[in-house]
Protein backbone atom coordinates (compact mmCIF):
# COMPACT_ATOMS: atom_id res chain seq x y z
CA UNK A 1 0.00 0.00 0.00
CA UNK A 2 2.89 2.39 0.72
CA UNK A 3 4.10 1.98 -2.87
CA UNK A 4 0.65 2.87 -4.21
CA UNK A 5 0.44 5.96 -2.00
CA UNK A 6 3.91 7.01 -3.13
CA UNK A 7 2.93 6.68 -6.80
CA UNK A 8 -0.22 8.72 -6.15
CA UNK A 9 1.62 11.49 -4.31
CA UNK A 10 4.58 11.57 -6.70
CA UNK A 11 2.32 11.81 -9.74
CA UNK A 12 0.15 14.42 -8.04
CA UNK A 13 3.19 16.63 -7.44
CA UNK A 14 4.42 16.00 -10.98
CA UNK A 15 1.16 17.27 -12.46
CA UNK A 16 0.65 20.08 -9.95
CA UNK A 17 4.03 21.58 -10.84
CA UNK A 18 4.11 20.50 -14.50
CA UNK A 19 0.64 21.66 -15.46
CA UNK A 20 1.10 24.53 -13.04
CA UNK A 21 3.96 25.97 -15.08
CA UNK A 22 1.82 25.73 -18.21
CA UNK A 23 -0.97 27.61 -16.45
CA UNK A 24 1.50 30.25 -15.26
CA UNK A 25 2.70 30.81 -18.83
CA UNK A 26 -0.51 30.66 -20.89
CA UNK A 27 -3.28 32.01 -18.66
CA UNK A 28 -4.14 35.71 -18.57
CA UNK A 29 -2.92 38.03 -15.81
CA UNK A 30 -0.42 35.63 -14.23
CA UNK A 31 3.04 36.80 -13.21
CA UNK A 32 4.55 34.32 -15.69
CA UNK A 33 2.30 35.07 -18.66
CA UNK A 34 4.05 34.60 -22.02
CA UNK A 35 7.10 33.08 -20.34
CA UNK A 36 7.56 30.80 -23.34
CA UNK A 37 8.53 27.23 -24.17
CA UNK A 38 11.84 27.28 -22.29
CA UNK A 39 10.04 28.09 -19.04
CA UNK A 40 7.54 25.30 -19.64
CA UNK A 41 10.17 22.66 -20.41
CA UNK A 42 12.29 23.66 -17.42
CA UNK A 43 9.23 23.67 -15.19
CA UNK A 44 8.28 20.19 -16.32
CA UNK A 45 11.81 18.92 -15.74
CA UNK A 46 11.81 20.29 -12.20
CA UNK A 47 8.34 18.83 -11.65
CA UNK A 48 9.75 15.41 -12.55
CA UNK A 49 12.63 15.99 -10.12
CA UNK A 50 10.20 16.70 -7.26
CA UNK A 51 7.92 13.75 -8.04
CA UNK A 52 10.81 11.30 -8.32
CA UNK A 53 12.50 12.60 -5.16
CA UNK A 54 9.30 12.06 -3.15
CA UNK A 55 8.21 8.69 -4.54
CA UNK A 56 11.60 7.19 -5.38
CA UNK A 57 12.57 5.77 -1.98
CA UNK A 58 9.22 3.96 -1.63
CA UNK A 59 7.95 2.89 -5.05
CA UNK A 60 10.84 3.52 -7.41
CA UNK A 61 8.96 6.54 -8.77
CA UNK A 62 7.50 5.27 -12.03
CA UNK A 63 4.86 8.08 -12.09
CA UNK A 64 3.99 6.98 -15.62
CA UNK A 65 2.10 3.91 -16.91
CA UNK A 66 4.49 3.72 -19.86
CA UNK A 67 7.46 3.38 -17.48
CA UNK A 68 5.61 0.79 -15.40
CA UNK A 69 4.67 -1.27 -18.45
CA UNK A 70 8.15 -0.93 -19.94
CA UNK A 71 9.77 -2.26 -16.75
CA UNK A 72 7.28 -5.12 -16.63
CA UNK A 73 7.88 -6.07 -20.27
CA UNK A 74 11.62 -6.12 -19.56
CA UNK A 75 11.00 -8.55 -16.70
CA UNK A 76 12.17 -6.25 -13.92
CA UNK A 77 8.81 -5.26 -12.43
CA UNK A 78 6.03 -7.55 -11.27
CA UNK A 79 3.03 -7.67 -13.61
CA UNK A 80 0.82 -8.26 -10.56
CA UNK A 81 1.50 -4.66 -9.47
CA UNK A 82 1.08 -2.98 -12.85
CA UNK A 83 -2.67 -2.29 -12.63
CA UNK A 84 -2.47 -0.83 -9.11
CA UNK A 85 0.45 1.41 -10.05
CA UNK A 86 -1.38 2.71 -13.13
CA UNK A 87 -4.58 3.41 -11.19
CA UNK A 88 -2.58 5.32 -8.56
CA UNK A 89 -0.80 7.30 -11.27
CA UNK A 90 -4.04 8.30 -13.03
CA UNK A 91 -5.72 9.28 -9.76
CA UNK A 92 -2.64 11.22 -8.69
CA UNK A 93 -2.58 13.04 -12.01
CA UNK A 94 -6.27 13.91 -11.63
CA UNK A 95 -5.66 15.28 -8.15
CA UNK A 96 -2.70 17.33 -9.34
CA UNK A 97 -4.86 18.78 -12.11
CA UNK A 98 -7.56 19.65 -9.60
CA UNK A 99 -5.00 21.54 -7.50
CA UNK A 100 -3.87 23.47 -10.59
CA UNK A 101 -7.49 24.52 -11.13
CA UNK A 102 -7.80 25.51 -7.45
CA UNK A 103 -4.57 27.51 -7.63
CA UNK A 104 -5.34 29.31 -10.90
CA UNK A 105 -9.15 29.36 -10.92
CA UNK A 106 -9.36 33.17 -11.16
CA UNK A 107 -6.94 33.16 -14.09
CA UNK A 108 -8.84 30.38 -15.86
CA UNK A 109 -11.94 32.57 -15.66
CA UNK A 110 -9.97 35.59 -16.95
CA UNK A 111 -8.81 33.63 -20.03
CA UNK A 112 -11.13 33.42 -23.02
CA UNK A 113 -9.04 31.02 -25.10
CA UNK A 114 -10.43 27.52 -24.54
CA UNK A 115 -7.38 25.95 -26.16
CA UNK A 116 -5.07 27.68 -23.69
CA UNK A 117 -7.15 26.32 -20.83
CA UNK A 118 -7.01 22.78 -22.20
CA UNK A 119 -3.22 23.09 -22.56
CA UNK A 120 -3.04 23.48 -18.78
CA UNK A 121 -4.48 19.99 -18.45
CA UNK A 122 -3.61 17.82 -21.42
CA UNK A 123 -1.56 17.81 -24.59
CA UNK A 124 -2.51 18.58 -28.18
CA UNK A 125 -0.76 18.54 -31.53
CA UNK A 126 0.70 21.60 -33.21
CA UNK A 127 -0.36 20.07 -36.55
CA UNK A 128 -3.24 17.63 -36.29
CA UNK A 129 -2.14 14.48 -38.12
CA UNK A 130 -2.85 11.42 -36.00
CA UNK A 131 -0.24 9.21 -37.67
CA UNK A 132 2.51 11.81 -37.27
CA UNK A 133 1.31 12.69 -33.78
CA UNK A 134 1.47 9.03 -32.73
CA UNK A 135 4.98 8.67 -34.16
CA UNK A 136 6.09 11.74 -32.20
CA UNK A 137 4.76 10.31 -28.94
CA UNK A 138 6.27 6.88 -29.68
CA UNK A 139 9.71 8.37 -30.33
CA UNK A 140 9.60 10.68 -27.31
CA UNK A 141 8.53 7.89 -24.95
CA UNK A 142 11.02 5.48 -26.46
CA UNK A 143 13.81 7.91 -25.59
CA UNK A 144 12.41 8.42 -22.09
CA UNK A 145 12.04 4.74 -21.20
CA UNK A 146 15.16 3.50 -23.00
CA UNK A 147 17.38 5.99 -21.21
CA UNK A 148 15.65 5.27 -17.87
CA UNK A 149 16.71 1.63 -18.18
CA UNK A 150 20.32 2.78 -18.20
CA UNK A 151 19.82 5.37 -15.49
CA UNK A 152 18.63 2.69 -13.08
CA UNK A 153 21.61 0.47 -13.86
CA UNK A 154 22.80 -2.22 -16.27
CA UNK A 155 22.37 -5.07 -13.81
CA UNK A 156 18.57 -4.88 -13.81
CA UNK A 157 18.13 -7.33 -16.64
CA UNK A 158 19.28 -10.16 -14.41
CA UNK A 159 17.55 -9.18 -11.16
CA UNK A 160 14.05 -10.44 -11.89
CA UNK A 161 10.60 -9.39 -10.80
CA UNK A 162 11.23 -10.07 -7.12
CA UNK A 163 12.78 -6.57 -7.14
CA UNK A 164 9.33 -5.14 -7.81
CA UNK A 165 10.18 -1.73 -6.32
CA UNK A 166 12.82 -1.13 -8.95
CA UNK A 167 12.55 2.18 -10.71
CA UNK A 168 14.26 5.54 -10.69
CA UNK A 169 14.89 5.89 -7.00
CA UNK A 170 16.00 9.12 -5.34
CA UNK A 171 19.39 9.15 -7.07
CA UNK A 172 17.63 9.09 -10.42
CA UNK A 173 15.72 12.32 -9.76
CA UNK A 174 18.18 14.77 -11.32
CA UNK A 175 19.21 12.66 -14.36
CA UNK A 176 15.62 11.89 -15.31
CA UNK A 177 14.64 15.53 -14.81
CA UNK A 178 17.36 16.55 -17.26
CA UNK A 179 16.20 13.79 -19.61
CA UNK A 180 12.65 15.18 -19.62
CA UNK A 181 13.99 18.70 -20.24
CA UNK A 182 15.99 17.36 -23.21
CA UNK A 183 12.94 15.59 -24.63
CA UNK A 184 10.82 18.71 -24.22
CA UNK A 185 13.35 21.01 -25.86
CA UNK A 186 14.21 18.68 -28.74
CA UNK A 187 11.09 16.59 -29.37
CA UNK A 188 8.23 18.36 -27.62
CA UNK A 189 7.22 20.87 -30.27
CA UNK A 190 4.98 18.55 -32.27
CA UNK A 191 2.54 17.24 -29.66
CA UNK A 192 3.53 18.83 -26.38
CA UNK A 193 5.30 15.58 -25.37
CA UNK A 194 2.77 13.77 -23.20
CA UNK A 195 5.12 10.71 -23.00
CA UNK A 196 2.91 9.60 -20.10
CA UNK A 197 -0.67 8.29 -20.42
CA UNK A 198 -1.59 9.25 -16.84
CA UNK A 199 -0.24 12.77 -17.32
CA UNK A 200 -2.71 13.27 -20.15
CA UNK A 201 -5.76 11.18 -19.18
CA UNK A 202 -6.20 12.18 -15.53
CA UNK A 203 -6.02 15.93 -16.20
CA UNK A 204 -8.19 15.64 -19.33
CA UNK A 205 -10.91 14.03 -17.21
CA UNK A 206 -10.61 16.88 -14.70
CA UNK A 207 -10.81 19.44 -17.51
CA UNK A 208 -14.10 17.86 -18.58
CA UNK A 209 -15.47 17.95 -15.03
CA UNK A 210 -14.26 21.21 -13.49
CA UNK A 211 -16.24 24.45 -13.92
CA UNK A 212 -14.55 27.18 -15.99
CA UNK A 213 -15.84 30.06 -18.07
CA UNK A 214 -15.49 29.58 -21.84
CA UNK A 215 -13.97 26.16 -21.19
CA UNK A 216 -14.33 24.71 -24.66
CA UNK A 217 -13.89 21.08 -25.64
CA UNK A 218 -11.71 18.50 -23.87
CA UNK A 219 -10.73 17.13 -27.32
CA UNK A 220 -11.54 13.48 -26.63
CA UNK A 221 -11.05 12.77 -30.32
CA UNK A 222 -7.31 13.12 -29.80
CA UNK A 223 -7.13 11.52 -26.36
CA UNK A 224 -6.15 8.00 -27.47
CA UNK A 225 -2.89 9.20 -29.06
CA UNK A 226 -1.18 10.24 -25.79
CA UNK A 227 -2.48 7.06 -24.12
CA UNK A 228 -1.61 4.37 -26.65
CA UNK A 229 1.47 5.80 -28.40
CA UNK A 230 3.56 6.20 -25.21
CA UNK A 231 2.83 2.58 -24.28
CA UNK A 232 4.00 1.46 -27.72
CA UNK A 233 7.17 3.53 -27.33
CA UNK A 234 7.83 2.03 -23.90
CA UNK A 235 7.39 -1.53 -25.18
CA UNK A 236 9.80 -0.89 -28.07
CA UNK A 237 12.33 0.52 -25.61
CA UNK A 238 11.97 -2.54 -23.37
CA UNK A 239 12.42 -4.94 -26.29
CA UNK A 240 15.58 -3.18 -27.45
CA UNK A 241 16.93 -3.03 -23.90
CA UNK A 242 16.37 -6.78 -23.46
CA UNK A 243 18.12 -7.50 -26.74
CA UNK A 244 21.11 -5.33 -25.88
CA UNK A 245 21.24 -6.79 -22.39
CA UNK A 246 21.59 -10.24 -23.93
CA UNK A 247 24.67 -9.05 -25.81
CA UNK A 248 27.27 -9.25 -23.04
CA UNK A 249 29.97 -7.62 -25.15
CA UNK A 250 27.77 -4.52 -25.57
CA UNK A 251 27.20 -4.16 -21.83
CA UNK A 252 30.86 -4.76 -21.00
CA UNK A 253 31.88 -2.06 -23.47
CA UNK A 254 29.24 0.37 -22.26
CA UNK A 255 29.71 0.06 -18.54
CA UNK A 256 33.43 -0.67 -18.17
């Protein structure tokens, strides 16, 4: 149960600070209005740092169904815990989104642009092309999960699912935060880099529920892309990691 609570709280903080920086930049009459993409990507990276630092010692700080599934596919996280972790992550994301609304509710009501309000909750494409959008999310999540495998250590492939708490841990907070900043700066311009199904779904549900003036649509027609594509990217990353882990000469060269 402690692991589930940690995933809930870590994901809640991730979304509170991550979606919070978006709200600070795009909503009217905030101190950070028009801060730009660099502010958003840095804010998201620091949000990841905080979430991982809090949840890492207890759950391994997955904070992302794609990470959880990727670890399970690679055989280093117990499948029996996957569903509970994902539920905790989605609920944590929804709570974080609620807190963003509570924090910025006056500014949401001062903003007429429904698209800007939705951006404070969930992602959307710069150019709406579902095939290209899916590819963008697959590539971004592949980079995230593949690099995470190496951040948590090369020995994981042989440790087995009995180490079900394996994940980023506290020491992984800064490297993975920098990784998310890199993904945002380099790959985030096409879809807003969801790279996390819970990060998109939980807040999108809250956007649909919470009262706001001129709210606009929650864009459910796009919602499957940031749910399915990151999972595909994570699975591809896990498959490649398992293949490379089986090549002992590769690991010896890389880590010695």
